[in-house]
Structure formats: structure tokens, C-alpha cells
Amino acid sequence: MLNAIRCFNRNRYQQHIAPLNIAVFPYYQPIVEVASGRIDSYEALARKKDHQGQVVSAGRLFIDPDISASNKRRLDHRVRRQALESVHQLPSDTRIAINISPEWINHLGPESVVPTLEMVDEVGIDPSRVTIELTEDLGDIDRISAVVRRYRQAGMEVAIDDFGTGFSQLDRVIALEPDVIKLDMQLFKQAVKGGLAEKLVRSLVEFSTKSGGRIVCEGVETEEEFFFGLHCGARYMQGFLFAAAGPYFLQPDTFSGQLKSLRKKYFDSMERRESQKVERIGTIKQKVQELRNILLAGCRVDVERLVRQYRGIPELIRFYICNRRGDQVTANYEYYHIDQTWHADSSSVGFNWSWRPYFYQLMVLDSQQQGRLVASDCYQDRISGRPCKTLAMMLQDEQVLLVDVVADW
């Protein structure tokens, strides 16, 4: 019985006393702006020392089940206050980003004092130099929105961290309208390898940009990841490629030379790639024009004659013909490159494609300049699974030639 009491008291000590004796403090990781080459802001990250005296992440303290929620908040407030006090040493024209769990905002009532706003006032800093990073997607969205409005009224920016970890965060972007959106690190690294993750990240970046949020790619460790971030349209980068979190603020122009070199390397690479792409597109357009000429000569549905006159190109997937109203009037003619044969699939005859943007764009452009070719946006072909585009050109008799080609441009 006595041992049980001692064990209970020890657990209470661990939950209520011991955590408060842990020295926690902020380290600062720079976030660089690609266009200017300068440090835009610094994210404050919680750190502590391990048994060997080495500085390590304090993140585990905030998920430790042996530490009570109230003590986790106290530890967080301690780190947060130190970080805000350091703003007095912050280089000019830069900001500091503070992580706050939305779950803790749930403890605030409608008229409660907001701890961060209180700290900002007590340490006497300009709130416009502070960005609030909301981490997990926990907490009541209405309550979070109310506190976010108070942050904004004080002049602070708001960021959503780890965007892409869950679809519920789309609701938060709509509700909170963040100034900054930080892509989830693991999703970003997976997207660099290509596949569906890459398409998702591109879509998230496009969505974020259109919603007004500035995109930050976290965890950028290699040039490949940096270049991928640029290719997606991200203007801000954060990661070991530049610097780990440290105890001091680096000068804003610390990475200017490195970024200049990276931008040039990216530009040179993309210039070569663009040159190759333009050449390839020119060849594709020429071959599509040859197909149009063959069809205009009267071989529209004569597959055997097509075999003799048109072998296709490696990029060709299929072609078909619609009338001006968008109704498909022929089968899909698919070219099998392995045996160099044409195959007709009539399952789409009668389908209407007038609602696709490239179709009605062609109608308008052709009325102004005959012989124009219009290309769709890139999409994934549902049959072949390859990225492709649809090229559209007018034929005679008010008919339209549509050609699906493999494309990553």
C-alpha cells in the first residue's frame, strides 16, 4: 500500500512539477524568399538539452502522455515568451513565426485574454512582425476563427502549417484565409519523386496561390527539392539546404549568393528543357497537321488507308472527329505503336465535348484565323494512364479533329 502511494505521488510529481524544471528555449530557422535572395522570416522552434548536454528538439515534451495538458501549455508559453522577447534583436524587415496548437485555443473563451497578444503587449514589440503558425487541424473551427480575427486585428499574420496532411485543412483555409500556407514536409518530399503526390502538391499550390496565401516549402534539403519547389511556384523555402535552426538570427543576406547560384542553375536547366520542349511540340504539331491533311483528302474513316499513309508519332494516343456542336461522329482511332496498327473504338460515338474549354476556344479563334490549333491543359488519360493533352483543329464541313497526345508540357 505504501509503495502504491509513493508511485502515485511520483506520477503526480512528474506530471505537475518535473516538467516545469526542464529548461526549454527557442532556436530560429530562417525562411528565405527566392526572388529577393534574403531571409524573410525566422520560425521559432522549441529546444532543450539532453542528458549529454546536446541541444535537441523539445517536440516530444508536447506529446508526452506523462505531462499534463496544463504543464504542456506552461512549457509552450515559456518558449513563446522567450521568442517574442527576442524580436527586439530581429533584423529589420524580417518577421518571427510562432507555433500555436489550435487545440489550446479551445481553452479560450470569447472574452478570454489571448496569451500571445498579452505577451506581445508586455514585451513591447510590434505585432505586425509576428506570424502565428497554426499547427494541427484540431480544435473547434469557429472558436479558432474568432481568435484568428483578434490576431489579425492586432496586426499579426496567420499561417497554416503542414498543409496537405488532411482534407479537413481545406476547410480551414476557406474559414481562416491564411496569409501563409506551409506545405506538409513529408508530402512535399514524396511529391519530388513524382506520381500522384506531385500532382496533389501542384494542385495545392495552385489552390493556395489563388486563395491569396504565400507558399512556404518546408524541409528543403537538396537542390532537387529546391528546384521542385520553384517548379511548383513556391516563393519561400525553409530547410537544411540553407540552415538548421540556431540560437541566433542570421543576417538577412546570408544566403543571397547561394540563392543567386541556385536560381541561375534552375534557369539554365529550364532553358534547356524548354528548348527541347518547343522542338518536340513543333514536331507534334507538324504530324497533327499531316493527319489533318490526310483526312481532308478523304481518308477520314478509312483505317486501312491511314495505315499506309500515317504511321503516327510516339506521342500519339488517339484521334476522333466531332461536329461543330461537339458531338463525336467517329470512333476513337487508337494507334498501337508495338505492332503499328490502328484500332477503332466506337464506344464514345455520340458523346458531346462542347463543354471542354479547348473546344469553344477553337470555335472563336478559327473564326478569326483559320487553321489554328488549340491545346487543352495537361491531364491524365484514363485509359493509358499517361499525362496527355488534346489538340483541336478545324476540318472541312464544320467538323473538328481532336488528337490526344502524350504531353508533360
Protein backbone atom coordinates (compact mmCIF):
# COMPACT_ATOMS: atom_id res chain seq x y z
CA MET A 1 0.00 0.00 0.00
CA LEU A 2 2.83 2.35 0.89
CA ASN A 3 4.58 1.60 -2.43
CA ALA A 4 1.37 2.34 -4.32
CA ILE A 5 1.09 5.72 -2.58
CA ARG A 6 4.72 6.51 -3.39
CA CYS A 7 4.16 5.55 -7.02
CA PHE A 8 1.05 7.76 -7.19
CA ASN A 9 2.91 10.70 -5.67
CA ARG A 10 5.84 10.17 -8.05
CA ASN A 11 3.49 10.26 -11.04
CA ARG A 12 1.85 13.42 -9.74
CA TYR A 13 5.30 14.99 -9.36
CA GLN A 14 6.21 14.02 -12.90
CA GLN A 15 3.01 15.49 -14.26
CA HIS A 16 2.85 18.67 -12.19
CA ILE A 17 6.37 19.57 -11.03
CA ALA A 18 9.14 17.86 -13.00
CA PRO A 19 8.26 19.27 -16.45
CA LEU A 20 8.49 22.81 -15.11
CA ASN A 21 12.14 22.18 -14.19
CA ILE A 22 13.02 21.44 -17.82
CA ALA A 23 14.89 24.25 -19.49
CA VAL A 24 13.17 24.93 -22.82
CA PHE A 25 14.19 27.69 -25.17
CA PRO A 26 13.71 28.79 -28.79
CA TYR A 27 16.02 28.23 -31.76
CA TYR A 28 15.39 30.05 -35.02
CA GLN A 29 15.31 28.59 -38.54
CA PRO A 30 15.38 31.07 -41.44
CA ILE A 31 12.75 31.14 -44.19
CA VAL A 32 14.22 32.55 -47.40
CA GLU A 33 12.49 34.41 -50.20
CA VAL A 34 13.59 33.13 -53.58
CA ALA A 35 13.03 36.35 -55.55
CA SER A 36 14.94 38.72 -53.26
CA GLY A 37 17.50 36.19 -52.05
CA ARG A 38 17.03 37.41 -48.48
CA ILE A 39 15.73 35.90 -45.27
CA ASP A 40 12.06 36.82 -44.98
CA SER A 41 11.37 35.45 -41.50
CA TYR A 42 12.50 33.02 -38.80
CA GLU A 43 10.48 30.18 -37.33
CA ALA A 44 10.90 29.79 -33.56
CA LEU A 45 11.28 26.10 -32.65
CA ALA A 46 11.30 24.67 -29.13
CA ARG A 47 14.59 23.16 -27.97
CA LYS A 48 16.03 21.58 -24.80
CA LYS A 49 19.25 19.85 -23.76
CA ASP A 50 19.54 16.07 -23.48
CA HIS A 51 21.47 14.14 -20.81
CA GLN A 52 24.74 14.72 -22.71
CA GLY A 53 24.13 18.46 -22.85
CA GLN A 54 23.34 18.42 -26.58
CA VAL A 55 20.63 20.73 -27.88
CA VAL A 56 17.73 18.66 -29.23
CA SER A 57 14.12 19.22 -30.25
CA ALA A 58 11.69 19.67 -27.37
CA GLY A 59 8.80 18.48 -29.51
CA ARG A 60 8.40 15.19 -27.66
CA LEU A 61 7.54 17.06 -24.45
CA PHE A 62 4.34 18.32 -26.04
CA ILE A 63 3.11 14.81 -26.91
CA ASP A 64 4.36 13.10 -23.75
CA PRO A 65 1.34 11.42 -22.04
CA ASP A 66 3.07 11.73 -18.66
CA ILE A 67 2.97 15.53 -18.85
CA SER A 68 -0.36 17.17 -18.10
CA ALA A 69 -2.01 19.44 -20.64
CA SER A 70 -1.68 22.44 -18.32
CA ASN A 71 2.06 21.88 -17.96
CA LYS A 72 2.44 21.49 -21.71
CA ARG A 73 0.81 24.91 -22.08
CA ARG A 74 3.15 26.36 -19.45
CA LEU A 75 6.19 24.99 -21.27
CA ASP A 76 4.89 26.34 -24.54
CA HIS A 77 4.22 29.77 -23.02
CA ARG A 78 7.78 29.82 -21.69
CA VAL A 79 9.27 29.17 -25.14
CA ARG A 80 6.82 31.53 -26.80
CA ARG A 81 7.62 34.40 -24.47
CA GLN A 82 11.37 33.99 -24.98
CA ALA A 83 10.86 34.00 -28.72
CA LEU A 84 8.75 37.16 -28.58
CA GLU A 85 11.29 38.87 -26.34
CA SER A 86 13.94 38.14 -28.98
CA VAL A 87 12.05 40.24 -31.54
CA HIS A 88 13.94 43.24 -30.16
CA GLN A 89 17.07 41.71 -31.80
CA LEU A 90 15.26 40.72 -35.00
CA PRO A 91 16.92 42.12 -38.17
CA SER A 92 14.95 44.87 -39.86
CA ASP A 93 12.34 43.94 -42.48
CA THR A 94 12.03 40.38 -41.12
CA ARG A 95 9.43 38.59 -39.04
CA ILE A 96 9.22 35.81 -36.49
CA ALA A 97 6.83 32.84 -36.76
CA ILE A 98 5.42 31.34 -33.57
CA ASN A 99 3.80 27.87 -33.49
CA ILE A 100 0.50 27.57 -31.65
CA SER A 101 -1.65 24.47 -31.37
CA PRO A 102 -5.31 25.16 -32.25
CA GLU A 103 -6.23 22.64 -29.57
CA TRP A 104 -5.00 25.08 -26.93
CA ILE A 105 -7.10 27.87 -28.41
CA ASN A 106 -10.11 25.75 -27.44
CA HIS A 107 -9.40 26.64 -23.82
CA LEU A 108 -10.02 30.32 -24.53
CA GLY A 109 -13.49 31.74 -24.05
CA PRO A 110 -14.98 34.51 -26.21
CA GLU A 111 -13.78 37.21 -23.78
CA SER A 112 -10.62 35.45 -22.56
CA VAL A 113 -7.25 37.14 -22.66
CA VAL A 114 -5.27 35.73 -25.60
CA PRO A 115 -1.87 34.77 -24.11
CA THR A 116 0.19 35.66 -27.18
CA LEU A 117 -1.41 39.09 -27.52
CA GLU A 118 -0.81 39.69 -23.84
CA MET A 119 2.86 38.67 -24.20
CA VAL A 120 3.34 40.93 -27.22
CA ASP A 121 1.96 43.85 -25.25
CA GLU A 122 4.09 43.05 -22.17
CA VAL A 123 7.39 42.74 -24.07
CA GLY A 124 6.60 45.84 -26.12
CA ILE A 125 7.05 44.66 -29.70
CA ASP A 126 5.30 45.47 -32.95
CA PRO A 127 2.68 42.72 -33.52
CA SER A 128 2.98 43.18 -37.29
CA ARG A 129 6.38 41.45 -37.04
CA VAL A 130 4.76 38.27 -35.71
CA THR A 131 3.27 35.39 -37.72
CA ILE A 132 1.07 32.88 -35.89
CA GLU A 133 1.54 29.35 -37.27
CA LEU A 134 -1.42 27.08 -36.54
CA THR A 135 -0.14 23.52 -36.41
CA GLU A 136 -2.53 20.58 -36.08
CA ASP A 137 -6.03 20.52 -37.56
CA LEU A 138 -7.56 20.01 -34.11
CA GLY A 139 -9.92 22.32 -32.29
CA ASP A 140 -13.25 23.98 -32.96
CA ILE A 141 -13.07 25.97 -36.18
CA ASP A 142 -15.49 28.68 -35.01
CA ARG A 143 -13.51 29.31 -31.85
CA ILE A 144 -10.23 29.30 -33.76
CA SER A 145 -11.67 31.73 -36.31
CA ALA A 146 -12.69 34.11 -33.52
CA VAL A 147 -9.15 34.13 -32.04
CA VAL A 148 -7.59 34.45 -35.50
CA ARG A 149 -9.68 37.59 -36.05
CA ARG A 150 -8.18 39.00 -32.85
CA TYR A 151 -4.66 38.18 -34.06
CA ARG A 152 -5.39 39.98 -37.31
CA GLN A 153 -6.94 42.98 -35.58
CA ALA A 154 -3.69 43.32 -33.65
CA GLY A 155 -1.76 43.34 -36.95
CA MET A 156 -0.37 39.80 -36.97
CA GLU A 157 -0.20 37.45 -39.95
CA VAL A 158 -1.62 33.92 -39.76
CA ALA A 159 -0.13 30.77 -41.29
CA ILE A 160 -1.39 27.21 -41.61
CA ASP A 161 1.39 24.68 -41.05
CA ASP A 162 1.68 21.17 -42.55
CA PHE A 163 -0.92 21.93 -45.21
CA GLY A 164 -1.82 18.79 -47.13
CA THR A 165 -1.82 16.35 -44.22
CA GLY A 166 -5.62 16.13 -44.21
CA PHE A 167 -8.50 17.30 -46.35
CA SER A 168 -10.06 18.97 -43.30
CA GLN A 169 -7.40 21.65 -43.71
CA LEU A 170 -9.09 22.79 -46.90
CA ASP A 171 -11.98 23.89 -44.72
CA ARG A 172 -9.54 25.79 -42.51
CA VAL A 173 -8.03 27.63 -45.45
CA ILE A 174 -11.51 28.72 -46.52
CA ALA A 175 -12.51 29.70 -42.98
CA LEU A 176 -9.26 31.36 -41.84
CA GLU A 177 -7.96 32.80 -45.14
CA PRO A 178 -4.31 32.47 -44.02
CA ASP A 179 -1.59 34.84 -45.18
CA VAL A 180 0.93 31.98 -45.32
CA ILE A 181 0.48 28.29 -46.18
CA LYS A 182 3.30 25.88 -45.32
CA LEU A 183 3.23 22.61 -47.25
CA ASP A 184 3.48 19.39 -45.28
CA MET A 185 7.13 18.30 -45.31
CA GLN A 186 6.52 14.60 -45.91
CA LEU A 187 4.03 15.23 -48.69
CA PHE A 188 6.47 17.66 -50.32
CA LYS A 189 9.34 15.16 -50.22
CA GLN A 190 7.12 12.45 -51.68
CA ALA A 191 5.96 14.81 -54.43
CA VAL A 192 9.56 15.41 -55.53
CA LYS A 193 9.63 11.75 -56.63
CA GLY A 194 6.66 12.31 -58.96
CA GLY A 195 3.39 10.41 -59.27
CA LEU A 196 0.09 11.40 -57.71
CA ALA A 197 1.81 13.19 -54.82
CA GLU A 198 3.38 15.59 -57.32
CA LYS A 199 0.01 16.29 -58.92
CA LEU A 200 -1.54 16.85 -55.48
CA VAL A 201 1.16 19.30 -54.42
CA ARG A 202 0.83 21.23 -57.67
CA SER A 203 -2.92 21.43 -57.12
CA LEU A 204 -2.46 22.53 -53.50
CA VAL A 205 -0.01 25.25 -54.54
CA GLU A 206 -2.39 26.48 -57.24
CA PHE A 207 -5.29 26.43 -54.77
CA SER A 208 -3.23 28.26 -52.13
CA THR A 209 -1.99 30.89 -54.57
CA LYS A 210 -5.48 31.59 -55.85
CA SER A 211 -6.72 31.91 -52.26
CA GLY A 212 -4.11 34.58 -51.60
CA GLY A 213 -1.72 32.58 -49.40
CA ARG A 214 2.07 32.78 -49.71
CA ILE A 215 3.53 29.29 -50.14
CA VAL A 216 6.41 28.04 -47.97
CA CYS A 217 8.10 24.71 -48.73
CA GLU A 218 9.50 23.20 -45.51
CA GLY A 219 12.19 20.57 -45.16
CA VAL A 220 14.10 21.60 -48.29
CA GLU A 221 17.38 19.70 -48.01
CA THR A 222 18.60 19.19 -51.59
CA GLU A 223 18.86 21.19 -54.80
CA GLU A 224 16.38 18.78 -56.38
CA GLU A 225 13.79 19.65 -53.71
CA PHE A 226 14.53 23.36 -54.11
CA PHE A 227 14.07 23.17 -57.88
CA PHE A 228 10.83 21.22 -57.48
CA GLY A 229 9.53 23.92 -55.14
CA LEU A 230 10.35 26.55 -57.75
CA HIS A 231 8.68 24.48 -60.45
CA CYS A 232 5.51 24.36 -58.34
CA GLY A 233 5.56 28.13 -57.93
CA ALA A 234 6.62 28.42 -54.28
CA ARG A 235 8.37 31.70 -53.42
CA TYR A 236 9.61 30.77 -49.96
CA MET A 237 11.84 27.91 -48.80
CA GLN A 238 12.92 26.58 -45.42
CA GLY A 239 15.28 23.72 -44.63
CA PHE A 240 18.77 22.35 -44.13
CA LEU A 241 19.77 23.33 -47.69
CA PHE A 242 20.17 26.77 -46.13
CA ALA A 243 20.42 26.33 -42.36
CA ALA A 244 19.23 24.33 -39.38
CA ALA A 245 17.60 26.15 -36.50
CA GLY A 246 20.14 28.01 -34.40
CA PRO A 247 20.29 30.20 -31.28
CA TYR A 248 20.78 33.48 -33.16
CA PHE A 249 19.20 35.38 -36.03
CA LEU A 250 21.29 35.22 -39.19
CA GLN A 251 21.77 38.35 -41.26
CA PRO A 252 19.07 38.67 -43.95
CA ASP A 253 21.55 38.48 -46.85
CA THR A 254 23.35 35.36 -45.52
CA PHE A 255 22.12 33.17 -48.39
CA SER A 256 21.96 35.76 -51.17
CA GLY A 257 24.94 34.29 -53.02
CA GLN A 258 23.68 30.72 -52.65
CA LEU A 259 20.23 31.66 -53.90
CA LYS A 260 21.67 33.55 -56.85
CA SER A 261 23.64 30.45 -57.84
CA LEU A 262 20.60 28.18 -57.39
CA ARG A 263 18.36 30.46 -59.44
CA LYS A 264 20.90 30.50 -62.28
CA LYS A 265 21.27 26.73 -62.20
CA TYR A 266 17.49 26.33 -62.29
CA PHE A 267 17.15 28.87 -65.13
CA ASP A 268 19.84 27.18 -67.23
CA SER A 269 18.23 23.78 -66.69
CA MET A 270 14.74 25.03 -67.53
CA GLU A 271 16.00 26.94 -70.56
CA ARG A 272 17.45 23.72 -71.98
CA ARG A 273 14.31 21.82 -71.11
CA GLU A 274 12.10 24.49 -72.66
CA SER A 275 14.16 24.46 -75.87
CA GLN A 276 13.74 20.69 -76.15
CA LYS A 277 10.04 21.01 -75.39
CA VAL A 278 9.47 23.65 -78.06
CA GLU A 279 11.23 21.45 -80.61
CA ARG A 280 9.14 18.44 -79.59
CA ILE A 281 5.90 20.43 -79.70
CA GLY A 282 6.78 21.68 -83.18
CA THR A 283 7.23 18.08 -84.38
CA ILE A 284 3.92 17.03 -82.82
CA LYS A 285 2.05 19.93 -84.42
CA GLN A 286 3.59 19.12 -87.80
CA LYS A 287 2.48 15.49 -87.54
CA VAL A 288 -1.02 16.51 -86.45
CA GLN A 289 -1.19 18.80 -89.46
CA GLU A 290 -0.18 15.86 -91.69
CA LEU A 291 -3.02 13.81 -90.19
CA ARG A 292 -5.43 16.69 -90.88
CA ASN A 293 -4.29 16.90 -94.49
CA ILE A 294 -4.83 13.14 -94.95
CA LEU A 295 -8.33 13.41 -93.52
CA LEU A 296 -9.12 16.42 -95.68
CA ALA A 297 -8.11 14.32 -98.71
CA GLY A 298 -10.97 11.93 -97.95
CA CYS A 299 -9.44 9.24 -95.76
CA ARG A 300 -11.46 10.21 -92.73
CA VAL A 301 -12.59 6.77 -91.64
CA ASP A 302 -10.55 4.56 -93.97
CA VAL A 303 -8.34 2.88 -91.37
CA GLU A 304 -6.51 0.68 -93.90
CA ARG A 305 -5.53 3.70 -95.94
CA LEU A 306 -4.44 5.51 -92.79
CA VAL A 307 -2.06 2.64 -92.01
CA ARG A 308 -0.38 3.20 -95.35
CA GLN A 309 -0.28 6.99 -95.16
CA TYR A 310 0.17 7.79 -91.50
CA ARG A 311 2.28 5.76 -89.10
CA GLY A 312 1.64 8.07 -86.22
CA ILE A 313 4.19 9.52 -83.82
CA PRO A 314 5.42 8.20 -80.44
CA GLU A 315 3.27 10.79 -78.64
CA LEU A 316 0.03 9.87 -80.43
CA ILE A 317 -2.64 8.15 -78.33
CA ARG A 318 -5.80 8.53 -80.45
CA PHE A 319 -7.79 10.82 -82.70
CA TYR A 320 -11.51 11.31 -83.37
CA ILE A 321 -13.81 13.78 -85.10
CA CYS A 322 -16.69 15.88 -83.80
CA ASN A 323 -19.18 18.17 -85.49
CA ARG A 324 -19.29 21.86 -84.67
CA ARG A 325 -21.83 21.25 -81.91
CA GLY A 326 -19.34 19.00 -80.11
CA ASP A 327 -20.99 15.65 -80.93
CA GLN A 328 -18.45 12.89 -81.62
CA VAL A 329 -19.24 11.49 -85.08
CA THR A 330 -16.45 8.91 -85.48
CA ALA A 331 -14.91 6.19 -83.42
CA ASN A 332 -11.74 6.75 -81.41
CA TYR A 333 -8.88 5.65 -83.67
CA GLU A 334 -6.03 4.46 -81.46
CA TYR A 335 -2.57 3.74 -82.78
CA TYR A 336 -0.74 0.75 -81.28
CA HIS A 337 2.95 1.52 -81.66
CA ILE A 338 4.10 -2.02 -80.87
CA ASP A 339 2.52 -3.61 -83.96
CA GLN A 340 1.94 -0.32 -85.85
CA THR A 341 -1.77 -0.90 -86.31
CA TRP A 342 -4.88 1.23 -85.94
CA HIS A 343 -7.84 0.13 -83.81
CA ALA A 344 -11.31 1.66 -83.80
CA ASP A 345 -13.35 2.02 -80.60
CA SER A 346 -16.93 3.20 -81.19
CA SER A 347 -17.99 3.37 -77.55
CA SER A 348 -17.73 7.20 -77.45
CA VAL A 349 -19.68 7.93 -80.65
CA GLY A 350 -22.46 10.36 -79.77
CA PHE A 351 -20.69 11.82 -76.76
CA ASN A 352 -20.63 15.62 -76.60
CA TRP A 353 -17.39 17.51 -75.83
CA SER A 354 -18.55 21.08 -76.43
CA TRP A 355 -18.21 21.90 -72.73
CA ARG A 356 -14.44 21.42 -72.77
CA PRO A 357 -12.60 24.79 -72.88
CA TYR A 358 -10.39 23.95 -75.85
CA PHE A 359 -13.48 23.19 -77.96
CA TYR A 360 -15.25 26.53 -77.68
CA GLN A 361 -11.91 28.37 -77.73
CA LEU A 362 -11.22 26.78 -81.10
CA MET A 363 -14.59 27.97 -82.42
CA VAL A 364 -13.74 31.57 -81.53
CA LEU A 365 -10.13 31.50 -82.72
CA ASP A 366 -10.86 29.74 -86.01
CA SER A 367 -13.42 32.38 -86.91
CA GLN A 368 -10.59 34.92 -86.71
CA GLN A 369 -7.74 32.83 -88.11
CA GLN A 370 -8.42 29.59 -89.97
CA GLY A 371 -6.16 26.61 -89.40
CA ARG A 372 -5.49 27.43 -85.74
CA LEU A 373 -4.57 24.62 -83.36
CA VAL A 374 -5.77 24.76 -79.75
CA ALA A 375 -4.34 22.64 -76.92
CA SER A 376 -6.05 21.61 -73.70
CA ASP A 377 -4.44 21.72 -70.26
CA CYS A 378 -2.43 18.65 -69.30
CA TYR A 379 -4.44 15.81 -67.74
CA GLN A 380 -4.06 12.09 -67.11
CA ASP A 381 -5.54 9.90 -69.82
CA ARG A 382 -7.92 7.50 -68.11
CA ILE A 383 -7.16 4.59 -70.47
CA SER A 384 -3.40 4.78 -70.92
CA GLY A 385 -2.72 6.42 -67.55
CA ARG A 386 -0.25 8.80 -69.21
CA PRO A 387 -0.18 12.60 -68.99
CA CYS A 388 -1.67 13.98 -72.18
CA LYS A 389 -3.21 16.93 -73.95
CA THR A 390 -5.94 17.16 -76.55
CA LEU A 391 -5.12 19.13 -79.70
CA ALA A 392 -8.06 20.52 -81.67
CA MET A 393 -8.15 21.75 -85.30
CA MET A 394 -10.98 22.55 -87.69
CA LEU A 395 -11.62 20.29 -90.68
CA GLN A 396 -13.91 20.95 -93.63
CA ASP A 397 -17.68 20.65 -93.45
CA GLU A 398 -17.81 22.23 -90.00
CA GLN A 399 -16.06 19.27 -88.41
CA VAL A 400 -13.34 19.26 -85.77
CA LEU A 401 -10.31 16.99 -85.49
CA LEU A 402 -9.28 16.12 -81.93
CA VAL A 403 -6.00 14.37 -81.26
CA ASP A 404 -4.87 13.07 -77.83
CA VAL A 405 -1.09 13.11 -77.45
CA VAL A 406 1.29 12.23 -74.61
CA ALA A 407 2.44 15.53 -73.13
CA ASP A 408 4.07 16.89 -69.99
CA TRP A 409 4.01 20.49 -71.21
